PDB file of N, CA and C in Angstrom:
ATOM      1  N   MET A   1      -5.912  10.994   6.670  1.00  0.00           N
ATOM      2  CA  MET A   1      -4.774  11.013   5.763  1.00  0.00           C
ATOM      3  C   MET A   1      -4.506   9.595   5.255  1.00  0.00           C
ATOM      4  N   LYS A   2      -4.282   9.476   3.970  1.00  0.00           N
ATOM      5  CA  LYS A   2      -4.046   8.177   3.349  1.00  0.00           C
ATOM      6  C   LYS A   2      -2.653   7.664   3.698  1.00  0.00           C
ATOM      7  N   LYS A   3      -2.576   6.373   3.989  1.00  0.00           N
ATOM      8  CA  LYS A   3      -1.280   5.757   4.264  1.00  0.00           C
ATOM      9  C   LYS A   3      -0.543   5.511   2.949  1.00  0.00           C
ATOM     10  N   ILE A   4       0.773   5.650   3.010  1.00  0.00           N
ATOM     11  CA  ILE A   4       1.615   5.475   1.827  1.00  0.00           C
ATOM     12  C   ILE A   4       2.460   4.213   1.998  1.00  0.00           C
ATOM     13  N   ALA A   5       2.578   3.450   0.919  1.00  0.00           N
ATOM     14  CA  ALA A   5       3.384   2.228   0.934  1.00  0.00           C
ATOM     15  C   ALA A   5       4.281   2.187  -0.294  1.00  0.00           C
ATOM     16  N   MET A   6       5.336   1.405  -0.174  1.00  0.00           N
ATOM     17  CA  MET A   6       6.198   1.138  -1.321  1.00  0.00           C
ATOM     18  C   MET A   6       6.326  -0.368  -1.479  1.00  0.00           C
ATOM     19  N   ILE A   7       6.824  -0.775  -2.623  1.00  0.00           N
ATOM     20  CA  ILE A   7       6.959  -2.190  -2.952  1.00  0.00           C
ATOM     21  C   ILE A   7       8.435  -2.562  -2.995  1.00  0.00           C
ATOM     22  N   SER A   8       8.755  -3.687  -2.361  1.00  0.00           N
ATOM     23  CA  SER A   8      10.103  -4.247  -2.430  1.00  0.00           C
ATOM     24  C   SER A   8       9.996  -5.570  -3.175  1.00  0.00           C
ATOM     25  N   GLN A   9      10.726  -5.688  -4.275  1.00  0.00           N
ATOM     26  CA  GLN A   9      10.638  -6.904  -5.079  1.00  0.00           C
ATOM     27  C   GLN A   9      11.975  -7.239  -5.707  1.00  0.00           C
ATOM     28  N   THR A  10      12.176  -8.516  -5.959  1.00  0.00           N
ATOM     29  CA  THR A  10      13.392  -8.938  -6.647  1.00  0.00           C
ATOM     30  C   THR A  10      13.283  -8.562  -8.117  1.00  0.00           C
ATOM     31  N   MET A  11      14.406  -8.187  -8.696  1.00  0.00           N
ATOM     32  CA  MET A  11      14.414  -7.804 -10.107  1.00  0.00           C
ATOM     33  C   MET A  11      15.468  -8.562 -10.897  1.00  0.00           C
ATOM     34  N   GLY A  12      16.492  -9.037 -10.216  1.00  0.00           N
ATOM     35  CA  GLY A  12      17.567  -9.744 -10.897  1.00  0.00           C
ATOM     36  C   GLY A  12      17.063 -10.970 -11.636  1.00  0.00           C
ATOM     37  N   GLY A  13      17.464 -11.085 -12.894  1.00  0.00           N
ATOM     38  CA  GLY A  13      17.095 -12.243 -13.688  1.00  0.00           C
ATOM     39  C   GLY A  13      15.665 -12.247 -14.189  1.00  0.00           C
ATOM     40  N   LYS A  14      14.958 -11.134 -14.012  1.00  0.00           N
ATOM     41  CA  LYS A  14      13.567 -11.052 -14.465  1.00  0.00           C
ATOM     42  C   LYS A  14      13.449 -10.070 -15.622  1.00  0.00           C
ATOM     43  N   THR A  15      12.488 -10.333 -16.483  1.00  0.00           N
ATOM     44  CA  THR A  15      12.232  -9.407 -17.584  1.00  0.00           C
ATOM     45  C   THR A  15      11.466  -8.203 -17.046  1.00  0.00           C
ATOM     46  N   GLU A  16      11.494  -7.132 -17.807  1.00  0.00           N
ATOM     47  CA  GLU A  16      10.736  -5.945 -17.410  1.00  0.00           C
ATOM     48  C   GLU A  16       9.253  -6.291 -17.285  1.00  0.00           C
ATOM     49  N   GLN A  17       8.754  -7.133 -18.179  1.00  0.00           N
ATOM     50  CA  GLN A  17       7.344  -7.534 -18.136  1.00  0.00           C
ATOM     51  C   GLN A  17       7.031  -8.291 -16.845  1.00  0.00           C
ATOM     52  N   GLU A  18       7.906  -9.210 -16.434  1.00  0.00           N
ATOM     53  CA  GLU A  18       7.692  -9.957 -15.188  1.00  0.00           C
ATOM     54  C   GLU A  18       7.695  -9.016 -13.984  1.00  0.00           C
ATOM     55  N   ILE A  19       8.618  -8.083 -13.991  1.00  0.00           N
ATOM     56  CA  ILE A  19       8.711  -7.114 -12.894  1.00  0.00           C
ATOM     57  C   ILE A  19       7.431  -6.292 -12.814  1.00  0.00           C
ATOM     58  N   LEU A  20       6.977  -5.792 -13.949  1.00  0.00           N
ATOM     59  CA  LEU A  20       5.782  -4.942 -13.963  1.00  0.00           C
ATOM     60  C   LEU A  20       4.516  -5.721 -13.619  1.00  0.00           C
ATOM     61  N   GLN A  21       4.427  -6.991 -14.011  1.00  0.00           N
ATOM     62  CA  GLN A  21       3.263  -7.806 -13.648  1.00  0.00           C
ATOM     63  C   GLN A  21       3.205  -8.035 -12.142  1.00  0.00           C
ATOM     64  N   THR A  22       4.344  -8.340 -11.543  1.00  0.00           N
ATOM     65  CA  THR A  22       4.411  -8.516 -10.090  1.00  0.00           C
ATOM     66  C   THR A  22       4.011  -7.223  -9.400  1.00  0.00           C
ATOM     67  N   ARG A  23       4.504  -6.126  -9.928  1.00  0.00           N
ATOM     68  CA  ARG A  23       4.217  -4.803  -9.374  1.00  0.00           C
ATOM     69  C   ARG A  23       2.726  -4.488  -9.460  1.00  0.00           C
ATOM     70  N   GLU A  24       2.096  -4.825 -10.572  1.00  0.00           N
ATOM     71  CA  GLU A  24       0.657  -4.572 -10.728  1.00  0.00           C
ATOM     72  C   GLU A  24      -0.152  -5.318  -9.671  1.00  0.00           C
ATOM     73  N   ARG A  25       0.221  -6.573  -9.409  1.00  0.00           N
ATOM     74  CA  ARG A  25      -0.477  -7.349  -8.372  1.00  0.00           C
ATOM     75  C   ARG A  25      -0.286  -6.708  -6.999  1.00  0.00           C
ATOM     76  N   ALA A  26       0.926  -6.254  -6.732  1.00  0.00           N
ATOM     77  CA  ALA A  26       1.216  -5.624  -5.443  1.00  0.00           C
ATOM     78  C   ALA A  26       0.441  -4.322  -5.284  1.00  0.00           C
ATOM     79  N   VAL A  27       0.393  -3.517  -6.340  1.00  0.00           N
ATOM     80  CA  VAL A  27      -0.357  -2.253  -6.295  1.00  0.00           C
ATOM     81  C   VAL A  27      -1.830  -2.534  -6.023  1.00  0.00           C
ATOM     82  N   ALA A  28      -2.385  -3.545  -6.686  1.00  0.00           N
ATOM     83  CA  ALA A  28      -3.796  -3.893  -6.479  1.00  0.00           C
ATOM     84  C   ALA A  28      -4.045  -4.309  -5.031  1.00  0.00           C
ATOM     85  N   ALA A  29      -3.159  -5.131  -4.474  1.00  0.00           N
ATOM     86  CA  ALA A  29      -3.315  -5.587  -3.088  1.00  0.00           C
ATOM     87  C   ALA A  29      -3.232  -4.416  -2.112  1.00  0.00           C
ATOM     88  N   LEU A  30      -2.289  -3.518  -2.342  1.00  0.00           N
ATOM     89  CA  LEU A  30      -2.125  -2.370  -1.444  1.00  0.00           C
ATOM     90  C   LEU A  30      -3.279  -1.381  -1.572  1.00  0.00           C
ATOM     91  N   THR A  31      -3.725  -1.146  -2.780  1.00  0.00           N
ATOM     92  CA  THR A  31      -4.844  -0.230  -3.007  1.00  0.00           C
ATOM     93  C   THR A  31      -6.094  -0.751  -2.307  1.00  0.00           C
ATOM     94  N   GLU A  32      -6.290  -2.063  -2.384  1.00  0.00           N
ATOM     95  CA  GLU A  32      -7.433  -2.691  -1.713  1.00  0.00           C
ATOM     96  C   GLU A  32      -7.374  -2.478  -0.202  1.00  0.00           C
ATOM     97  N   LYS A  33      -6.168  -2.400   0.348  1.00  0.00           N
ATOM     98  CA  LYS A  33      -5.983  -2.172   1.786  1.00  0.00           C
ATOM     99  C   LYS A  33      -6.021  -0.685   2.144  1.00  0.00           C
ATOM    100  N   GLY A  34      -6.209   0.180   1.137  1.00  0.00           N
ATOM    101  CA  GLY A  34      -6.331   1.607   1.397  1.00  0.00           C
ATOM    102  C   GLY A  34      -5.044   2.406   1.315  1.00  0.00           C
ATOM    103  N   TYR A  35      -4.003   1.817   0.772  1.00  0.00           N
ATOM    104  CA  TYR A  35      -2.724   2.519   0.654  1.00  0.00           C
ATOM    105  C   TYR A  35      -2.601   3.247  -0.675  1.00  0.00           C
ATOM    106  N   GLU A  36      -1.901   4.359  -0.628  1.00  0.00           N
ATOM    107  CA  GLU A  36      -1.405   5.012  -1.839  1.00  0.00           C
ATOM    108  C   GLU A  36      -0.029   4.399  -2.075  1.00  0.00           C
ATOM    109  N   VAL A  37       0.282   4.013  -3.305  1.00  0.00           N
ATOM    110  CA  VAL A  37       1.529   3.306  -3.586  1.00  0.00           C
ATOM    111  C   VAL A  37       2.505   4.216  -4.320  1.00  0.00           C
ATOM    112  N   LEU A  38       3.698   4.351  -3.740  1.00  0.00           N
ATOM    113  CA  LEU A  38       4.754   5.125  -4.397  1.00  0.00           C
ATOM    114  C   LEU A  38       5.312   4.334  -5.571  1.00  0.00           C
ATOM    115  N   ASN A  39       5.639   5.024  -6.634  1.00  0.00           N
ATOM    116  CA  ASN A  39       6.274   4.366  -7.771  1.00  0.00           C
ATOM    117  C   ASN A  39       7.776   4.321  -7.518  1.00  0.00           C
ATOM    118  N   THR A  40       8.250   3.161  -7.110  1.00  0.00           N
ATOM    119  CA  THR A  40       9.679   2.994  -6.852  1.00  0.00           C
ATOM    120  C   THR A  40      10.315   2.069  -7.883  1.00  0.00           C
ATOM    121  N   TYR A  41       9.734   2.021  -9.062  1.00  0.00           N
ATOM    122  CA  TYR A  41      10.344   1.262 -10.158  1.00  0.00           C
ATOM    123  C   TYR A  41      11.329   2.198 -10.845  1.00  0.00           C
ATOM    124  N   PHE A  42      12.605   1.960 -10.606  1.00  0.00           N
ATOM    125  CA  PHE A  42      13.648   2.824 -11.142  1.00  0.00           C
ATOM    126  C   PHE A  42      14.170   2.232 -12.443  1.00  0.00           C
ATOM    127  N   ASP A  43      14.040   2.983 -13.510  1.00  0.00           N
ATOM    128  CA  ASP A  43      14.519   2.492 -14.800  1.00  0.00           C
ATOM    129  C   ASP A  43      15.695   3.328 -15.305  1.00  0.00           C
ATOM    130  N   ASP A  44      16.483   3.826 -14.352  1.00  0.00           N
ATOM    131  CA  ASP A  44      17.662   4.615 -14.715  1.00  0.00           C
ATOM    132  C   ASP A  44      18.602   3.773 -15.577  1.00  0.00           C
ATOM    133  N   ASN A  45      19.177   4.384 -16.583  1.00  0.00           N
ATOM    134  CA  ASN A  45      20.123   3.713 -17.460  1.00  0.00           C
ATOM    135  C   ASN A  45      21.463   3.567 -16.742  1.00  0.00           C
ATOM    136  N   GLU A  46      21.933   2.324 -16.631  1.00  0.00           N
ATOM    137  CA  GLU A  46      23.167   2.051 -15.894  1.00  0.00           C
ATOM    138  C   GLU A  46      24.356   2.827 -16.452  1.00  0.00           C
ATOM    139  N   GLN A  47      24.484   2.882 -17.754  1.00  0.00           N
ATOM    140  CA  GLN A  47      25.608   3.591 -18.368  1.00  0.00           C
ATOM    141  C   GLN A  47      25.547   5.089 -18.055  1.00  0.00           C
ATOM    142  N   ASP A  48      24.354   5.663 -18.120  1.00  0.00           N
ATOM    143  CA  ASP A  48      24.200   7.088 -17.793  1.00  0.00           C
ATOM    144  C   ASP A  48      24.625   7.360 -16.355  1.00  0.00           C
ATOM    145  N   LEU A  49      24.226   6.474 -15.440  1.00  0.00           N
ATOM    146  CA  LEU A  49      24.595   6.656 -14.034  1.00  0.00           C
ATOM    147  C   LEU A  49      26.107   6.570 -13.857  1.00  0.00           C
ATOM    148  N   LYS A  50      26.734   5.621 -14.528  1.00  0.00           N
ATOM    149  CA  LYS A  50      28.192   5.487 -14.418  1.00  0.00           C
ATOM    150  C   LYS A  50      28.895   6.719 -14.969  1.00  0.00           C
ATOM    151  N   GLU A  51      28.356   7.278 -16.054  1.00  0.00           N
ATOM    152  CA  GLU A  51      28.938   8.497 -16.619  1.00  0.00           C
ATOM    153  C   GLU A  51      28.794   9.676 -15.662  1.00  0.00           C
ATOM    154  N   LYS A  52      27.787   9.630 -14.801  1.00  0.00           N
ATOM    155  CA  LYS A  52      27.591  10.684 -13.797  1.00  0.00           C
ATOM    156  C   LYS A  52      28.421  10.429 -12.542  1.00  0.00           C
ATOM    157  N   GLY A  53      29.184   9.321 -12.525  1.00  0.00           N
ATOM    158  CA  GLY A  53      30.070   9.043 -11.404  1.00  0.00           C
ATOM    159  C   GLY A  53      29.557   8.020 -10.409  1.00  0.00           C
ATOM    160  N   PHE A  54      28.418   7.406 -10.661  1.00  0.00           N
ATOM    161  CA  PHE A  54      27.881   6.391  -9.752  1.00  0.00           C
ATOM    162  C   PHE A  54      28.451   5.034 -10.149  1.00  0.00           C
ATOM    163  N   GLU A  55      29.465   4.589  -9.439  1.00  0.00           N
ATOM    164  CA  GLU A  55      30.155   3.344  -9.777  1.00  0.00           C
ATOM    165  C   GLU A  55      29.352   2.109  -9.385  1.00  0.00           C
ATOM    166  N   ASN A  56      28.667   2.171  -8.258  1.00  0.00           N
ATOM    167  CA  ASN A  56      27.918   1.014  -7.761  1.00  0.00           C
ATOM    168  C   ASN A  56      26.429   1.274  -7.967  1.00  0.00           C
ATOM    169  N   VAL A  57      25.928   0.894  -9.126  1.00  0.00           N
ATOM    170  CA  VAL A  57      24.535   1.193  -9.492  1.00  0.00           C
ATOM    171  C   VAL A  57      23.534   0.511  -8.562  1.00  0.00           C
ATOM    172  N   PRO A  58      23.727  -0.768  -8.165  1.00  0.00           N
ATOM    173  CA  PRO A  58      22.780  -1.359  -7.217  1.00  0.00           C
ATOM    174  C   PRO A  58      22.710  -0.576  -5.892  1.00  0.00           C
ATOM    175  N   LEU A  59      23.843  -0.094  -5.423  1.00  0.00           N
ATOM    176  CA  LEU A  59      23.855   0.702  -4.199  1.00  0.00           C
ATOM    177  C   LEU A  59      23.144   2.034  -4.406  1.00  0.00           C
ATOM    178  N   TYR A  60      23.303   2.618  -5.576  1.00  0.00           N
ATOM    179  CA  TYR A  60      22.589   3.852  -5.925  1.00  0.00           C
ATOM    180  C   TYR A  60      21.083   3.625  -5.828  1.00  0.00           C
ATOM    181  N   HIS A  61      20.613   2.515  -6.420  1.00  0.00           N
ATOM    182  CA  HIS A  61      19.178   2.224  -6.387  1.00  0.00           C
ATOM    183  C   HIS A  61      18.689   1.938  -4.966  1.00  0.00           C
ATOM    184  N   LEU A  62      19.501   1.255  -4.155  1.00  0.00           N
ATOM    185  CA  LEU A  62      19.123   0.998  -2.765  1.00  0.00           C
ATOM    186  C   LEU A  62      18.997   2.312  -2.000  1.00  0.00           C
ATOM    187  N   ALA A  63      19.955   3.210  -2.187  1.00  0.00           N
ATOM    188  CA  ALA A  63      19.900   4.510  -1.510  1.00  0.00           C
ATOM    189  C   ALA A  63      18.651   5.284  -1.915  1.00  0.00           C
ATOM    190  N   LYS A  64      18.332   5.243  -3.190  1.00  0.00           N
ATOM    191  CA  LYS A  64      17.135   5.921  -3.694  1.00  0.00           C
ATOM    192  C   LYS A  64      15.881   5.303  -3.071  1.00  0.00           C
ATOM    193  N   SER A  65      15.867   3.985  -2.977  1.00  0.00           N
ATOM    194  CA  SER A  65      14.744   3.268  -2.388  1.00  0.00           C
ATOM    195  C   SER A  65      14.562   3.641  -0.912  1.00  0.00           C
ATOM    196  N   LEU A  66      15.659   3.707  -0.169  1.00  0.00           N
ATOM    197  CA  LEU A  66      15.574   4.065   1.251  1.00  0.00           C
ATOM    198  C   LEU A  66      15.083   5.499   1.426  1.00  0.00           C
ATOM    199  N   LYS A  67      15.462   6.369   0.514  1.00  0.00           N
ATOM    200  CA  LYS A  67      14.967   7.748   0.550  1.00  0.00           C
ATOM    201  C   LYS A  67      13.446   7.745   0.417  1.00  0.00           C
ATOM    202  N   TYR A  68      12.933   6.984  -0.540  1.00  0.00           N
ATOM    203  CA  TYR A  68      11.477   6.883  -0.710  1.00  0.00           C
ATOM    204  C   TYR A  68      10.826   6.254   0.520  1.00  0.00           C
ATOM    205  N   MET A  69      11.483   5.257   1.102  1.00  0.00           N
ATOM    206  CA  MET A  69      10.931   4.576   2.269  1.00  0.00           C
ATOM    207  C   MET A  69      10.674   5.554   3.409  1.00  0.00           C
ATOM    208  N   SER A  70      11.461   6.603   3.482  1.00  0.00           N
ATOM    209  CA  SER A  70      11.302   7.574   4.571  1.00  0.00           C
ATOM    210  C   SER A  70       9.971   8.317   4.502  1.00  0.00           C
ATOM    211  N   THR A  71       9.261   8.205   3.389  1.00  0.00           N
ATOM    212  CA  THR A  71       7.955   8.867   3.255  1.00  0.00           C
ATOM    213  C   THR A  71       6.787   7.896   3.454  1.00  0.00           C
ATOM    214  N   CYS A  72       7.099   6.640   3.752  1.00  0.00           N
ATOM    215  CA  CYS A  72       6.073   5.587   3.823  1.00  0.00           C
ATOM    216  C   CYS A  72       5.721   5.197   5.256  1.00  0.00           C
ATOM    217  N   GLN A  73       4.542   4.612   5.366  1.00  0.00           N
ATOM    218  CA  GLN A  73       4.139   3.983   6.615  1.00  0.00           C
ATOM    219  C   GLN A  73       4.245   2.459   6.513  1.00  0.00           C
ATOM    220  N   ALA A  74       4.361   1.938   5.281  1.00  0.00           N
ATOM    221  CA  ALA A  74       4.398   0.487   5.083  1.00  0.00           C
ATOM    222  C   ALA A  74       5.261   0.122   3.880  1.00  0.00           C
ATOM    223  N   VAL A  75       5.755  -1.116   3.920  1.00  0.00           N
ATOM    224  CA  VAL A  75       6.484  -1.680   2.786  1.00  0.00           C
ATOM    225  C   VAL A  75       5.885  -3.052   2.493  1.00  0.00           C
ATOM    226  N   TYR A  76       5.598  -3.285   1.223  1.00  0.00           N
ATOM    227  CA  TYR A  76       5.028  -4.549   0.754  1.00  0.00           C
ATOM    228  C   TYR A  76       6.151  -5.370   0.138  1.00  0.00           C
ATOM    229  N   PHE A  77       6.386  -6.561   0.684  1.00  0.00           N
ATOM    230  CA  PHE A  77       7.461  -7.422   0.202  1.00  0.00           C
ATOM    231  C   PHE A  77       6.890  -8.528  -0.671  1.00  0.00           C
ATOM    232  N   CYS A  78       7.271  -8.513  -1.938  1.00  0.00           N
ATOM    233  CA  CYS A  78       6.819  -9.523  -2.900  1.00  0.00           C
ATOM    234  C   CYS A  78       7.538 -10.846  -2.638  1.00  0.00           C
ATOM    235  N   ARG A  79       6.891 -11.934  -3.038  1.00  0.00           N
ATOM    236  CA  ARG A  79       7.490 -13.265  -2.885  1.00  0.00           C
ATOM    237  C   ARG A  79       8.921 -13.276  -3.402  1.00  0.00           C
ATOM    238  N   GLY A  80       9.777 -13.939  -2.644  1.00  0.00           N
ATOM    239  CA  GLY A  80      11.178 -14.061  -3.040  1.00  0.00           C
ATOM    240  C   GLY A  80      12.069 -12.948  -2.525  1.00  0.00           C
ATOM    241  N   TRP A  81      11.499 -12.003  -1.774  1.00  0.00           N
ATOM    242  CA  TRP A  81      12.276 -10.858  -1.299  1.00  0.00           C
ATOM    243  C   TRP A  81      13.510 -11.292  -0.512  1.00  0.00           C
ATOM    244  N   GLU A  82      13.378 -12.416   0.227  1.00  0.00           N
ATOM    245  CA  GLU A  82      14.477 -12.839   1.100  1.00  0.00           C
ATOM    246  C   GLU A  82      15.706 -13.312   0.324  1.00  0.00           C
ATOM    247  N   LYS A  83      15.569 -13.490  -0.982  1.00  0.00           N
ATOM    248  CA  LYS A  83      16.696 -13.937  -1.810  1.00  0.00           C
ATOM    249  C   LYS A  83      17.484 -12.775  -2.409  1.00  0.00           C
ATOM    250  N   ALA A  84      16.991 -11.571  -2.250  1.00  0.00           N
ATOM    251  CA  ALA A  84      17.641 -10.404  -2.866  1.00  0.00           C
ATOM    252  C   ALA A  84      18.266  -9.511  -1.794  1.00  0.00           C
ATOM    253  N   ARG A  85      19.531  -9.232  -1.948  1.00  0.00           N
ATOM    254  CA  ARG A  85      20.279  -8.426  -0.975  1.00  0.00           C
ATOM    255  C   ARG A  85      19.596  -7.093  -0.678  1.00  0.00           C
ATOM    256  N   GLY A  86      19.187  -6.370  -1.718  1.00  0.00           N
ATOM    257  CA  GLY A  86      18.546  -5.072  -1.509  1.00  0.00           C
ATOM    258  C   GLY A  86      17.234  -5.189  -0.755  1.00  0.00           C
ATOM    259  N   CYS A  87      16.448  -6.204  -1.089  1.00  0.00           N
ATOM    260  CA  CYS A  87      15.165  -6.415  -0.399  1.00  0.00           C
ATOM    261  C   CYS A  87      15.398  -6.753   1.075  1.00  0.00           C
ATOM    262  N   ARG A  88      16.422  -7.566   1.353  1.00  0.00           N
ATOM    263  CA  ARG A  88      16.721  -7.906   2.756  1.00  0.00           C
ATOM    264  C   ARG A  88      17.116  -6.657   3.540  1.00  0.00           C
ATOM    265  N   ILE A  89      17.880  -5.781   2.926  1.00  0.00           N
ATOM    266  CA  ILE A  89      18.266  -4.533   3.598  1.00  0.00           C
ATOM    267  C   ILE A  89      17.034  -3.658   3.814  1.00  0.00           C
ATOM    268  N   GLU A  90      16.167  -3.577   2.806  1.00  0.00           N
ATOM    269  CA  GLU A  90      14.923  -2.809   2.964  1.00  0.00           C
ATOM    270  C   GLU A  90      14.071  -3.396   4.089  1.00  0.00           C
ATOM    271  N   HIS A  91      14.032  -4.719   4.188  1.00  0.00           N
ATOM    272  CA  HIS A  91      13.248  -5.380   5.239  1.00  0.00           C
ATOM    273  C   HIS A  91      13.794  -5.033   6.622  1.00  0.00           C
ATOM    274  N   GLU A  92      15.101  -5.145   6.791  1.00  0.00           N
ATOM    275  CA  GLU A  92      15.715  -4.807   8.084  1.00  0.00           C
ATOM    276  C   GLU A  92      15.481  -3.341   8.433  1.00  0.00           C
ATOM    277  N   THR A  93      15.557  -2.480   7.437  1.00  0.00           N
ATOM    278  CA  THR A  93      15.330  -1.052   7.656  1.00  0.00           C
ATOM    279  C   THR A  93      13.887  -0.794   8.065  1.00  0.00           C
ATOM    280  N   ALA A  94      12.949  -1.411   7.365  1.00  0.00           N
ATOM    281  CA  ALA A  94      11.530  -1.240   7.701  1.00  0.00           C
ATOM    282  C   ALA A  94      11.263  -1.706   9.131  1.00  0.00           C
ATOM    283  N   LYS A  95      11.848  -2.854   9.511  1.00  0.00           N
ATOM    284  CA  LYS A  95      11.685  -3.363  10.883  1.00  0.00           C
ATOM    285  C   LYS A  95      12.284  -2.395  11.894  1.00  0.00           C
ATOM    286  N   ALA A  96      13.505  -1.961  11.634  1.00  0.00           N
ATOM    287  CA  ALA A  96      14.227  -1.102  12.576  1.00  0.00           C
ATOM    288  C   ALA A  96      13.531   0.237  12.795  1.00  0.00           C
ATOM    289  N   TYR A  97      12.845   0.730  11.771  1.00  0.00           N
ATOM    290  CA  TYR A  97      12.203   2.036  11.869  1.00  0.00           C
ATOM    291  C   TYR A  97      10.697   1.952  12.083  1.00  0.00           C
ATOM    292  N   GLY A  98      10.194   0.756  12.376  1.00  0.00           N
ATOM    293  CA  GLY A  98       8.806   0.598  12.789  1.00  0.00           C
ATOM    294  C   GLY A  98       7.756   0.753  11.702  1.00  0.00           C
ATOM    295  N   LEU A  99       8.129   0.526  10.454  1.00  0.00           N
ATOM    296  CA  LEU A  99       7.136   0.590   9.384  1.00  0.00           C
ATOM    297  C   LEU A  99       6.305  -0.688   9.393  1.00  0.00           C
ATOM    298  N   ASP A 100       5.078  -0.590   8.921  1.00  0.00           N
ATOM    299  CA  ASP A 100       4.255  -1.782   8.762  1.00  0.00           C
ATOM    300  C   ASP A 100       4.866  -2.618   7.646  1.00  0.00           C
ATOM    301  N   ILE A 101       4.931  -3.918   7.862  1.00  0.00           N
ATOM    302  CA  ILE A 101       5.482  -4.829   6.869  1.00  0.00           C
ATOM    303  C   ILE A 101       4.360  -5.734   6.392  1.00  0.00           C
ATOM    304  N   ILE A 102       4.184  -5.765   5.074  1.00  0.00           N
ATOM    305  CA  ILE A 102       3.129  -6.568   4.459  1.00  0.00           C
ATOM    306  C   ILE A 102       3.812  -7.541   3.505  1.00  0.00           C
ATOM    307  N   TYR A 103       3.421  -8.814   3.589  1.00  0.00           N
ATOM    308  CA  TYR A 103       4.004  -9.831   2.713  1.00  0.00           C
ATOM    309  C   TYR A 103       2.995 -10.272   1.667  1.00  0.00           C
ATOM    310  N   GLU A 104       3.500 -10.557   0.467  1.00  0.00           N
ATOM    311  CA  GLU A 104       2.643 -11.066  -0.598  1.00  0.00           C
ATOM    312  C   GLU A 104       2.118 -12.433  -0.196  1.00  0.00           C
TER     313      GLU A 104
END
């Protein structure tokens, strides 16, 4: 059975192109290690989410990310992860639940 991994990366202050380029490198590294990579790039429209009643959009995305993490055996942390609140929470969660942790 193929191992599944997800990517944790900082997004604040980055362009969509920068985010996707970082993601492409991470996918290549994980694929080389034999992982199937979940697509956890959430491009939900903030205004649409607020209209649906989600007041704290970053928390919404973190919850969604943790849901995906429950299907993984590993999490790949891109450079700079320690500077982002959501990435730090994902890191602590991965550690606490015994997932393999891979650093860029």
